[in-house]
Amino acid sequence: MNERKDSHAAVTLLTLILAICGTLAICAMTEPGREILKQIGFRNRVPGAASTEDVEYLLAACGRNPEEVSRRLDIERARFPDLSEAEHYRGAIRKVFAERKS
């Protein structure tokens, strides 16, 4: 009887783990889900998301001013609305490079 309870508990735990993984996978396919994953530290695993390095570089280049980062990204989004977040960050970073050259 005890073995049966242990087996049932193992199956229940496995089912719970699979349900959680499935829910997270589905969540990762939606825009709000991707935003949540980015905010909790899985940015590099979200398709189309800017890498942690790009986010950190742009923030440092803007004097650690999040409003300046947002302003630069808004300009990129206005110019190229169909691009991904990663491409918007790269565009803003290219502009930083161009500003430093001149």
PDB file of N, CA and C in Angstrom:
ATOM      1  N   MET A   1       0.820  -1.192   0.000  1.00  0.00           N
ATOM      2  CA  MET A   1       0.000   0.000   0.000  1.00  0.00           C
ATOM      3  C   MET A   1       0.865   1.257   0.000  1.00  0.00           C
ATOM      4  N   ASN A   2       1.952   1.232   0.751  1.00  0.00           N
ATOM      5  CA  ASN A   2       2.841   2.382   0.842  1.00  0.00           C
ATOM      6  C   ASN A   2       3.518   2.662  -0.500  1.00  0.00           C
ATOM      7  N   GLU A   3       3.901   1.585  -1.200  1.00  0.00           N
ATOM      8  CA  GLU A   3       4.520   1.752  -2.520  1.00  0.00           C
ATOM      9  C   GLU A   3       3.542   2.387  -3.492  1.00  0.00           C
ATOM     10  N   ARG A   4       2.278   2.033  -3.373  1.00  0.00           N
ATOM     11  CA  ARG A   4       1.253   2.582  -4.250  1.00  0.00           C
ATOM     12  C   ARG A   4       1.084   4.084  -4.006  1.00  0.00           C
ATOM     13  N   LYS A   5       1.129   4.504  -2.742  1.00  0.00           N
ATOM     14  CA  LYS A   5       1.036   5.925  -2.410  1.00  0.00           C
ATOM     15  C   LYS A   5       2.245   6.684  -2.944  1.00  0.00           C
ATOM     16  N   ASP A   6       3.433   6.084  -2.801  1.00  0.00           N
ATOM     17  CA  ASP A   6       4.649   6.724  -3.315  1.00  0.00           C
ATOM     18  C   ASP A   6       4.591   6.864  -4.826  1.00  0.00           C
ATOM     19  N   SER A   7       4.113   5.826  -5.494  1.00  0.00           N
ATOM     20  CA  SER A   7       3.995   5.856  -6.957  1.00  0.00           C
ATOM     21  C   SER A   7       2.998   6.931  -7.383  1.00  0.00           C
ATOM     22  N   HIS A   8       1.877   6.993  -6.676  1.00  0.00           N
ATOM     23  CA  HIS A   8       0.854   7.994  -6.989  1.00  0.00           C
ATOM     24  C   HIS A   8       1.399   9.408  -6.762  1.00  0.00           C
ATOM     25  N   ALA A   9       2.147   9.615  -5.691  1.00  0.00           N
ATOM     26  CA  ALA A   9       2.740  10.923  -5.399  1.00  0.00           C
ATOM     27  C   ALA A   9       3.747  11.311  -6.476  1.00  0.00           C
ATOM     28  N   ALA A  10       4.537  10.347  -6.945  1.00  0.00           N
ATOM     29  CA  ALA A  10       5.519  10.624  -7.997  1.00  0.00           C
ATOM     30  C   ALA A  10       4.826  11.022  -9.290  1.00  0.00           C
ATOM     31  N   VAL A  11       3.758  10.323  -9.639  1.00  0.00           N
ATOM     32  CA  VAL A  11       3.009  10.648 -10.862  1.00  0.00           C
ATOM     33  C   VAL A  11       2.366  12.024 -10.726  1.00  0.00           C
ATOM     34  N   THR A  12       1.833  12.331  -9.562  1.00  0.00           N
ATOM     35  CA  THR A  12       1.219  13.636  -9.321  1.00  0.00           C
ATOM     36  C   THR A  12       2.258  14.751  -9.441  1.00  0.00           C
ATOM     37  N   LEU A  13       3.424  14.535  -8.865  1.00  0.00           N
ATOM     38  CA  LEU A  13       4.493  15.533  -8.947  1.00  0.00           C
ATOM     39  C   LEU A  13       4.948  15.728 -10.391  1.00  0.00           C
ATOM     40  N   LEU A  14       5.117  14.643 -11.112  1.00  0.00           N
ATOM     41  CA  LEU A  14       5.522  14.725 -12.521  1.00  0.00           C
ATOM     42  C   LEU A  14       4.472  15.463 -13.342  1.00  0.00           C
ATOM     43  N   THR A  15       3.216  15.187 -13.094  1.00  0.00           N
ATOM     44  CA  THR A  15       2.132  15.875 -13.804  1.00  0.00           C
ATOM     45  C   THR A  15       2.152  17.365 -13.504  1.00  0.00           C
ATOM     46  N   LEU A  16       2.377  17.706 -12.251  1.00  0.00           N
ATOM     47  CA  LEU A  16       2.456  19.123 -11.863  1.00  0.00           C
ATOM     48  C   LEU A  16       3.620  19.816 -12.563  1.00  0.00           C
ATOM     49  N   ILE A  17       4.769  19.174 -12.595  1.00  0.00           N
ATOM     50  CA  ILE A  17       5.945  19.757 -13.256  1.00  0.00           C
ATOM     51  C   ILE A  17       5.680  19.948 -14.743  1.00  0.00           C
ATOM     52  N   LEU A  18       5.095  18.957 -15.391  1.00  0.00           N
ATOM     53  CA  LEU A  18       4.778  19.077 -16.820  1.00  0.00           C
ATOM     54  C   LEU A  18       3.761  20.192 -17.074  1.00  0.00           C
ATOM     55  N   ALA A  19       2.784  20.311 -16.194  1.00  0.00           N
ATOM     56  CA  ALA A  19       1.785  21.377 -16.350  1.00  0.00           C
ATOM     57  C   ALA A  19       2.429  22.746 -16.220  1.00  0.00           C
ATOM     58  N   ILE A  20       3.320  22.907 -15.263  1.00  0.00           N
ATOM     59  CA  ILE A  20       4.005  24.195 -15.080  1.00  0.00           C
ATOM     60  C   ILE A  20       4.875  24.507 -16.285  1.00  0.00           C
ATOM     61  N   CYS A  21       5.631  23.527 -16.764  1.00  0.00           N
ATOM     62  CA  CYS A  21       6.487  23.738 -17.942  1.00  0.00           C
ATOM     63  C   CYS A  21       5.653  24.090 -19.168  1.00  0.00           C
ATOM     64  N   GLY A  22       4.559  23.393 -19.347  1.00  0.00           N
ATOM     65  CA  GLY A  22       3.681  23.676 -20.481  1.00  0.00           C
ATOM     66  C   GLY A  22       3.092  25.070 -20.403  1.00  0.00           C
ATOM     67  N   THR A  23       2.678  25.460 -19.218  1.00  0.00           N
ATOM     68  CA  THR A  23       2.116  26.808 -19.022  1.00  0.00           C
ATOM     69  C   THR A  23       3.163  27.880 -19.316  1.00  0.00           C
ATOM     70  N   LEU A  24       4.381  27.680 -18.831  1.00  0.00           N
ATOM     71  CA  LEU A  24       5.448  28.648 -19.107  1.00  0.00           C
ATOM     72  C   LEU A  24       5.773  28.714 -20.599  1.00  0.00           C
ATOM     73  N   ALA A  25       5.773  27.571 -21.265  1.00  0.00           N
ATOM     74  CA  ALA A  25       6.054  27.553 -22.701  1.00  0.00           C
ATOM     75  C   ALA A  25       4.977  28.302 -23.474  1.00  0.00           C
ATOM     76  N   ILE A  26       3.735  28.091 -23.126  1.00  0.00           N
ATOM     77  CA  ILE A  26       2.641  28.813 -23.789  1.00  0.00           C
ATOM     78  C   ILE A  26       2.727  30.295 -23.480  1.00  0.00           C
ATOM     79  N   CYS A  27       3.006  30.608 -22.235  1.00  0.00           N
ATOM     80  CA  CYS A  27       3.141  32.009 -21.816  1.00  0.00           C
ATOM     81  C   CYS A  27       4.252  32.700 -22.600  1.00  0.00           C
ATOM     82  N   ALA A  28       5.338  31.988 -22.862  1.00  0.00           N
ATOM     83  CA  ALA A  28       6.479  32.567 -23.574  1.00  0.00           C
ATOM     84  C   ALA A  28       6.149  32.896 -25.024  1.00  0.00           C
ATOM     85  N   MET A  29       5.042  32.384 -25.528  1.00  0.00           N
ATOM     86  CA  MET A  29       4.656  32.654 -26.912  1.00  0.00           C
ATOM     87  C   MET A  29       3.775  33.884 -27.036  1.00  0.00           C
ATOM     88  N   THR A  30       3.373  34.478 -25.936  1.00  0.00           N
ATOM     89  CA  THR A  30       2.540  35.675 -25.985  1.00  0.00           C
ATOM     90  C   THR A  30       3.385  36.891 -25.637  1.00  0.00           C
ATOM     91  N   GLU A  31       2.969  38.028 -26.098  1.00  0.00           N
ATOM     92  CA  GLU A  31       3.708  39.266 -25.815  1.00  0.00           C
ATOM     93  C   GLU A  31       3.806  39.556 -24.318  1.00  0.00           C
ATOM     94  N   PRO A  32       2.697  39.493 -23.572  1.00  0.00           N
ATOM     95  CA  PRO A  32       2.821  39.724 -22.127  1.00  0.00           C
ATOM     96  C   PRO A  32       3.719  38.682 -21.449  1.00  0.00           C
ATOM     97  N   GLY A  33       3.641  37.449 -21.909  1.00  0.00           N
ATOM     98  CA  GLY A  33       4.482  36.404 -21.338  1.00  0.00           C
ATOM     99  C   GLY A  33       5.954  36.657 -21.585  1.00  0.00           C
ATOM    100  N   ARG A  34       6.284  37.111 -22.794  1.00  0.00           N
ATOM    101  CA  ARG A  34       7.685  37.430 -23.109  1.00  0.00           C
ATOM    102  C   ARG A  34       8.186  38.587 -22.249  1.00  0.00           C
ATOM    103  N   GLU A  35       7.320  39.571 -22.021  1.00  0.00           N
ATOM    104  CA  GLU A  35       7.715  40.700 -21.167  1.00  0.00           C
ATOM    105  C   GLU A  35       8.009  40.237 -19.744  1.00  0.00           C
ATOM    106  N   ILE A  36       7.178  39.344 -19.241  1.00  0.00           N
ATOM    107  CA  ILE A  36       7.403  38.814 -17.896  1.00  0.00           C
ATOM    108  C   ILE A  36       8.716  38.051 -17.839  1.00  0.00           C
ATOM    109  N   LEU A  37       8.963  37.212 -18.839  1.00  0.00           N
ATOM    110  CA  LEU A  37      10.213  36.449 -18.868  1.00  0.00           C
ATOM    111  C   LEU A  37      11.426  37.369 -18.936  1.00  0.00           C
ATOM    112  N   LYS A  38      11.331  38.453 -19.707  1.00  0.00           N
ATOM    113  CA  LYS A  38      12.442  39.405 -19.783  1.00  0.00           C
ATOM    114  C   LYS A  38      12.699  40.040 -18.419  1.00  0.00           C
ATOM    115  N   GLN A  39      11.622  40.394 -17.737  1.00  0.00           N
ATOM    116  CA  GLN A  39      11.765  41.085 -16.455  1.00  0.00           C
ATOM    117  C   GLN A  39      12.313  40.184 -15.351  1.00  0.00           C
ATOM    118  N   ILE A  40      12.078  38.875 -15.450  1.00  0.00           N
ATOM    119  CA  ILE A  40      12.583  38.000 -14.394  1.00  0.00           C
ATOM    120  C   ILE A  40      13.945  37.407 -14.724  1.00  0.00           C
ATOM    121  N   GLY A  41      14.542  37.882 -15.827  1.00  0.00           N
ATOM    122  CA  GLY A  41      15.925  37.494 -16.086  1.00  0.00           C
ATOM    123  C   GLY A  41      16.144  36.493 -17.205  1.00  0.00           C
ATOM    124  N   PHE A  42      15.120  36.167 -17.966  1.00  0.00           N
ATOM    125  CA  PHE A  42      15.283  35.232 -19.072  1.00  0.00           C
ATOM    126  C   PHE A  42      15.328  35.945 -20.409  1.00  0.00           C
ATOM    127  N   ARG A  43      15.797  37.188 -20.415  1.00  0.00           N
ATOM    128  CA  ARG A  43      15.835  38.028 -21.608  1.00  0.00           C
ATOM    129  C   ARG A  43      16.537  37.342 -22.778  1.00  0.00           C
ATOM    130  N   ASN A  44      17.659  36.698 -22.524  1.00  0.00           N
ATOM    131  CA  ASN A  44      18.443  36.093 -23.598  1.00  0.00           C
ATOM    132  C   ASN A  44      17.778  34.857 -24.189  1.00  0.00           C
ATOM    133  N   ARG A  45      16.720  34.387 -23.585  1.00  0.00           N
ATOM    134  CA  ARG A  45      16.020  33.207 -24.080  1.00  0.00           C
ATOM    135  C   ARG A  45      14.704  33.550 -24.773  1.00  0.00           C
ATOM    136  N   VAL A  46      14.384  34.831 -24.850  1.00  0.00           N
ATOM    137  CA  VAL A  46      13.126  35.266 -25.470  1.00  0.00           C
ATOM    138  C   VAL A  46      13.403  35.687 -26.907  1.00  0.00           C
ATOM    139  N   PRO A  47      12.742  35.037 -27.885  1.00  0.00           N
ATOM    140  CA  PRO A  47      12.969  35.403 -29.281  1.00  0.00           C
ATOM    141  C   PRO A  47      12.641  36.870 -29.547  1.00  0.00           C
ATOM    142  N   GLY A  48      13.547  37.560 -30.234  1.00  0.00           N
ATOM    143  CA  GLY A  48      13.327  38.958 -30.599  1.00  0.00           C
ATOM    144  C   GLY A  48      13.662  39.954 -29.506  1.00  0.00           C
ATOM    145  N   ALA A  49      13.999  39.463 -28.324  1.00  0.00           N
ATOM    146  CA  ALA A  49      14.334  40.364 -27.223  1.00  0.00           C
ATOM    147  C   ALA A  49      15.781  40.816 -27.357  1.00  0.00           C
ATOM    148  N   ALA A  50      16.037  42.012 -26.899  1.00  0.00           N
ATOM    149  CA  ALA A  50      17.414  42.514 -26.878  1.00  0.00           C
ATOM    150  C   ALA A  50      18.206  41.706 -25.857  1.00  0.00           C
ATOM    151  N   SER A  51      19.462  41.483 -26.158  1.00  0.00           N
ATOM    152  CA  SER A  51      20.299  40.736 -25.227  1.00  0.00           C
ATOM    153  C   SER A  51      20.571  41.574 -23.982  1.00  0.00           C
ATOM    154  N   THR A  52      20.911  40.908 -22.912  1.00  0.00           N
ATOM    155  CA  THR A  52      21.256  41.596 -21.674  1.00  0.00           C
ATOM    156  C   THR A  52      22.418  42.550 -21.909  1.00  0.00           C
ATOM    157  N   GLU A  53      23.368  42.137 -22.735  1.00  0.00           N
ATOM    158  CA  GLU A  53      24.533  42.976 -23.021  1.00  0.00           C
ATOM    159  C   GLU A  53      24.130  44.257 -23.742  1.00  0.00           C
ATOM    160  N   ASP A  54      23.219  44.148 -24.733  1.00  0.00           N
ATOM    161  CA  ASP A  54      22.762  45.343 -25.453  1.00  0.00           C
ATOM    162  C   ASP A  54      22.017  46.298 -24.528  1.00  0.00           C
ATOM    163  N   VAL A  55      21.160  45.738 -23.677  1.00  0.00           N
ATOM    164  CA  VAL A  55      20.402  46.566 -22.734  1.00  0.00           C
ATOM    165  C   VAL A  55      21.372  47.292 -21.800  1.00  0.00           C
ATOM    166  N   GLU A  56      22.324  46.570 -21.277  1.00  0.00           N
ATOM    167  CA  GLU A  56      23.291  47.165 -20.342  1.00  0.00           C
ATOM    168  C   GLU A  56      24.163  48.200 -21.051  1.00  0.00           C
ATOM    169  N   TYR A  57      24.594  47.910 -22.282  1.00  0.00           N
ATOM    170  CA  TYR A  57      25.451  48.850 -23.016  1.00  0.00           C
ATOM    171  C   TYR A  57      24.712  50.164 -23.256  1.00  0.00           C
ATOM    172  N   LEU A  58      23.476  50.070 -23.747  1.00  0.00           N
ATOM    173  CA  LEU A  58      22.729  51.290 -24.049  1.00  0.00           C
ATOM    174  C   LEU A  58      22.456  52.089 -22.774  1.00  0.00           C
ATOM    175  N   LEU A  59      22.143  51.399 -21.698  1.00  0.00           N
ATOM    176  CA  LEU A  59      21.923  52.089 -20.431  1.00  0.00           C
ATOM    177  C   LEU A  59      23.193  52.809 -19.978  1.00  0.00           C
ATOM    178  N   ALA A  60      24.333  52.148 -20.093  1.00  0.00           N
ATOM    179  CA  ALA A  60      25.606  52.778 -19.717  1.00  0.00           C
ATOM    180  C   ALA A  60      25.918  53.955 -20.642  1.00  0.00           C
ATOM    181  N   ALA A  61      25.659  53.792 -21.936  1.00  0.00           N
ATOM    182  CA  ALA A  61      25.936  54.857 -22.903  1.00  0.00           C
ATOM    183  C   ALA A  61      25.048  56.076 -22.662  1.00  0.00           C
ATOM    184  N   CYS A  62      23.897  55.854 -22.038  1.00  0.00           N
ATOM    185  CA  CYS A  62      22.971  56.957 -21.746  1.00  0.00           C
ATOM    186  C   CYS A  62      23.147  57.470 -20.319  1.00  0.00           C
ATOM    187  N   GLY A  63      24.303  57.217 -19.739  1.00  0.00           N
ATOM    188  CA  GLY A  63      24.566  57.708 -18.389  1.00  0.00           C
ATOM    189  C   GLY A  63      23.692  57.070 -17.330  1.00  0.00           C
ATOM    190  N   ARG A  64      23.263  55.832 -17.579  1.00  0.00           N
ATOM    191  CA  ARG A  64      22.397  55.067 -16.667  1.00  0.00           C
ATOM    192  C   ARG A  64      21.050  55.764 -16.444  1.00  0.00           C
ATOM    193  N   ASN A  65      20.627  56.521 -17.464  1.00  0.00           N
ATOM    194  CA  ASN A  65      19.371  57.254 -17.413  1.00  0.00           C
ATOM    195  C   ASN A  65      18.309  56.479 -18.201  1.00  0.00           C
ATOM    196  N   PRO A  66      17.369  55.799 -17.526  1.00  0.00           N
ATOM    197  CA  PRO A  66      16.366  55.001 -18.229  1.00  0.00           C
ATOM    198  C   PRO A  66      15.453  55.833 -19.136  1.00  0.00           C
ATOM    199  N   GLU A  67      15.239  57.100 -18.781  1.00  0.00           N
ATOM    200  CA  GLU A  67      14.401  57.951 -19.633  1.00  0.00           C
ATOM    201  C   GLU A  67      15.079  58.200 -20.982  1.00  0.00           C
ATOM    202  N   GLU A  68      16.398  58.363 -20.961  1.00  0.00           N
ATOM    203  CA  GLU A  68      17.142  58.569 -22.215  1.00  0.00           C
ATOM    204  C   GLU A  68      17.120  57.301 -23.061  1.00  0.00           C
ATOM    205  N   VAL A  69      17.241  56.158 -22.416  1.00  0.00           N
ATOM    206  CA  VAL A  69      17.149  54.887 -23.149  1.00  0.00           C
ATOM    207  C   VAL A  69      15.780  54.783 -23.805  1.00  0.00           C
ATOM    208  N   SER A  70      14.731  55.069 -23.048  1.00  0.00           N
ATOM    209  CA  SER A  70      13.364  55.014 -23.589  1.00  0.00           C
ATOM    210  C   SER A  70      13.185  55.983 -24.751  1.00  0.00           C
ATOM    211  N   ARG A  71      13.735  57.172 -24.613  1.00  0.00           N
ATOM    212  CA  ARG A  71      13.625  58.170 -25.683  1.00  0.00           C
ATOM    213  C   ARG A  71      14.272  57.654 -26.958  1.00  0.00           C
ATOM    214  N   ARG A  72      15.469  57.102 -26.830  1.00  0.00           N
ATOM    215  CA  ARG A  72      16.179  56.582 -28.004  1.00  0.00           C
ATOM    216  C   ARG A  72      15.437  55.397 -28.621  1.00  0.00           C
ATOM    217  N   LEU A  73      14.897  54.528 -27.786  1.00  0.00           N
ATOM    218  CA  LEU A  73      14.155  53.377 -28.311  1.00  0.00           C
ATOM    219  C   LEU A  73      12.850  53.821 -28.959  1.00  0.00           C
ATOM    220  N   ASP A  74      12.201  54.838 -28.397  1.00  0.00           N
ATOM    221  CA  ASP A  74      10.971  55.362 -29.004  1.00  0.00           C
ATOM    222  C   ASP A  74      11.238  55.900 -30.405  1.00  0.00           C
ATOM    223  N   ILE A  75      12.375  56.554 -30.584  1.00  0.00           N
ATOM    224  CA  ILE A  75      12.745  57.066 -31.909  1.00  0.00           C
ATOM    225  C   ILE A  75      12.901  55.907 -32.879  1.00  0.00           C
ATOM    226  N   GLU A  76      13.581  54.856 -32.444  1.00  0.00           N
ATOM    227  CA  GLU A  76      13.775  53.686 -33.308  1.00  0.00           C
ATOM    228  C   GLU A  76      12.447  53.009 -33.626  1.00  0.00           C
ATOM    229  N   ARG A  77      11.575  52.896 -32.633  1.00  0.00           N
ATOM    230  CA  ARG A  77      10.259  52.268 -32.854  1.00  0.00           C
ATOM    231  C   ARG A  77       9.416  53.085 -33.826  1.00  0.00           C
ATOM    232  N   ALA A  78       9.503  54.403 -33.719  1.00  0.00           N
ATOM    233  CA  ALA A  78       8.743  55.266 -34.628  1.00  0.00           C
ATOM    234  C   ALA A  78       9.241  55.122 -36.062  1.00  0.00           C
ATOM    235  N   ARG A  79      10.549  55.019 -36.215  1.00  0.00           N
ATOM    236  CA  ARG A  79      11.132  54.886 -37.555  1.00  0.00           C
ATOM    237  C   ARG A  79      10.872  53.511 -38.161  1.00  0.00           C
ATOM    238  N   PHE A  80      10.984  52.472 -37.330  1.00  0.00           N
ATOM    239  CA  PHE A  80      10.878  51.099 -37.820  1.00  0.00           C
ATOM    240  C   PHE A  80       9.954  50.281 -36.908  1.00  0.00           C
ATOM    241  N   PRO A  81       8.649  50.494 -36.998  1.00  0.00           N
ATOM    242  CA  PRO A  81       7.721  49.839 -36.060  1.00  0.00           C
ATOM    243  C   PRO A  81       7.667  48.314 -36.173  1.00  0.00           C
ATOM    244  N   ASP A  82       8.048  47.767 -37.305  1.00  0.00           N
ATOM    245  CA  ASP A  82       7.942  46.320 -37.493  1.00  0.00           C
ATOM    246  C   ASP A  82       9.152  45.540 -37.003  1.00  0.00           C
ATOM    247  N   LEU A  83      10.188  46.234 -36.550  1.00  0.00           N
ATOM    248  CA  LEU A  83      11.384  45.540 -36.089  1.00  0.00           C
ATOM    249  C   LEU A  83      11.190  45.004 -34.670  1.00  0.00           C
ATOM    250  N   SER A  84      12.041  44.074 -34.301  1.00  0.00           N
ATOM    251  CA  SER A  84      11.982  43.494 -32.957  1.00  0.00           C
ATOM    252  C   SER A  84      12.669  44.416 -31.951  1.00  0.00           C
ATOM    253  N   GLU A  85      12.489  44.098 -30.692  1.00  0.00           N
ATOM    254  CA  GLU A  85      13.149  44.862 -29.635  1.00  0.00           C
ATOM    255  C   GLU A  85      14.667  44.827 -29.822  1.00  0.00           C
ATOM    256  N   ALA A  86      15.190  43.666 -30.169  1.00  0.00           N
ATOM    257  CA  ALA A  86      16.641  43.530 -30.358  1.00  0.00           C
ATOM    258  C   ALA A  86      17.129  44.461 -31.460  1.00  0.00           C
ATOM    259  N   GLU A  87      16.376  44.560 -32.544  1.00  0.00           N
ATOM    260  CA  GLU A  87      16.780  45.424 -33.657  1.00  0.00           C
ATOM    261  C   GLU A  87      16.656  46.905 -33.275  1.00  0.00           C
ATOM    262  N   HIS A  88      15.662  47.243 -32.452  1.00  0.00           N
ATOM    263  CA  HIS A  88      15.547  48.632 -31.979  1.00  0.00           C
ATOM    264  C   HIS A  88      16.744  48.995 -31.111  1.00  0.00           C
ATOM    265  N   TYR A  89      17.141  48.098 -30.235  1.00  0.00           N
ATOM    266  CA  TYR A  89      18.322  48.363 -29.401  1.00  0.00           C
ATOM    267  C   TYR A  89      19.565  48.516 -30.268  1.00  0.00           C
ATOM    268  N   ARG A  90      19.731  47.640 -31.258  1.00  0.00           N
ATOM    269  CA  ARG A  90      20.917  47.736 -32.119  1.00  0.00           C
ATOM    270  C   ARG A  90      20.945  49.049 -32.886  1.00  0.00           C
ATOM    271  N   GLY A  91      19.761  49.503 -33.341  1.00  0.00           N
ATOM    272  CA  GLY A  91      19.697  50.786 -34.034  1.00  0.00           C
ATOM    273  C   GLY A  91      20.087  51.933 -33.123  1.00  0.00           C
ATOM    274  N   ALA A  92      19.601  51.907 -31.895  1.00  0.00           N
ATOM    275  CA  ALA A  92      19.947  52.957 -30.929  1.00  0.00           C
ATOM    276  C   ALA A  92      21.438  52.913 -30.603  1.00  0.00           C
ATOM    277  N   ILE A  93      21.992  51.720 -30.504  1.00  0.00           N
ATOM    278  CA  ILE A  93      23.425  51.586 -30.224  1.00  0.00           C
ATOM    279  C   ILE A  93      24.259  52.088 -31.400  1.00  0.00           C
ATOM    280  N   ARG A  94      23.817  51.806 -32.616  1.00  0.00           N
ATOM    281  CA  ARG A  94      24.538  52.325 -33.795  1.00  0.00           C
ATOM    282  C   ARG A  94      24.564  53.846 -33.776  1.00  0.00           C
ATOM    283  N   LYS A  95      23.455  54.453 -33.352  1.00  0.00           N
ATOM    284  CA  LYS A  95      23.421  55.916 -33.270  1.00  0.00           C
ATOM    285  C   LYS A  95      24.392  56.431 -32.211  1.00  0.00           C
ATOM    286  N   VAL A  96      24.537  55.703 -31.110  1.00  0.00           N
ATOM    287  CA  VAL A  96      25.519  56.092 -30.078  1.00  0.00           C
ATOM    288  C   VAL A  96      26.917  56.064 -30.682  1.00  0.00           C
ATOM    289  N   PHE A  97      27.224  55.001 -31.431  1.00  0.00           N
ATOM    290  CA  PHE A  97      28.538  54.899 -32.082  1.00  0.00           C
ATOM    291  C   PHE A  97      28.748  56.077 -33.036  1.00  0.00           C
ATOM    292  N   ALA A  98      27.734  56.406 -33.828  1.00  0.00           N
ATOM    293  CA  ALA A  98      27.848  57.506 -34.791  1.00  0.00           C
ATOM    294  C   ALA A  98      28.057  58.835 -34.074  1.00  0.00           C
ATOM    295  N   GLU A  99      27.362  59.037 -32.960  1.00  0.00           N
ATOM    296  CA  GLU A  99      27.524  60.280 -32.193  1.00  0.00           C
ATOM    297  C   GLU A  99      28.944  60.391 -31.626  1.00  0.00           C
ATOM    298  N   ARG A 100      29.489  59.278 -31.209  1.00  0.00           N
ATOM    299  CA  ARG A 100      30.839  59.303 -30.634  1.00  0.00           C
ATOM    300  C   ARG A 100      31.901  59.538 -31.697  1.00  0.00           C
ATOM    301  N   LYS A 101      31.623  59.109 -32.932  1.00  0.00           N
ATOM    302  CA  LYS A 101      32.565  59.321 -34.040  1.00  0.00           C
ATOM    303  C   LYS A 101      32.671  60.792 -34.406  1.00  0.00           C
ATOM    304  N   SER A 102      31.523  61.469 -34.381  1.00  0.00           N
ATOM    305  CA  SER A 102      31.505  62.875 -34.837  1.00  0.00           C
ATOM    306  C   SER A 102      31.824  63.855 -33.753  1.00  0.00           C
TER     307      SER A 102
END
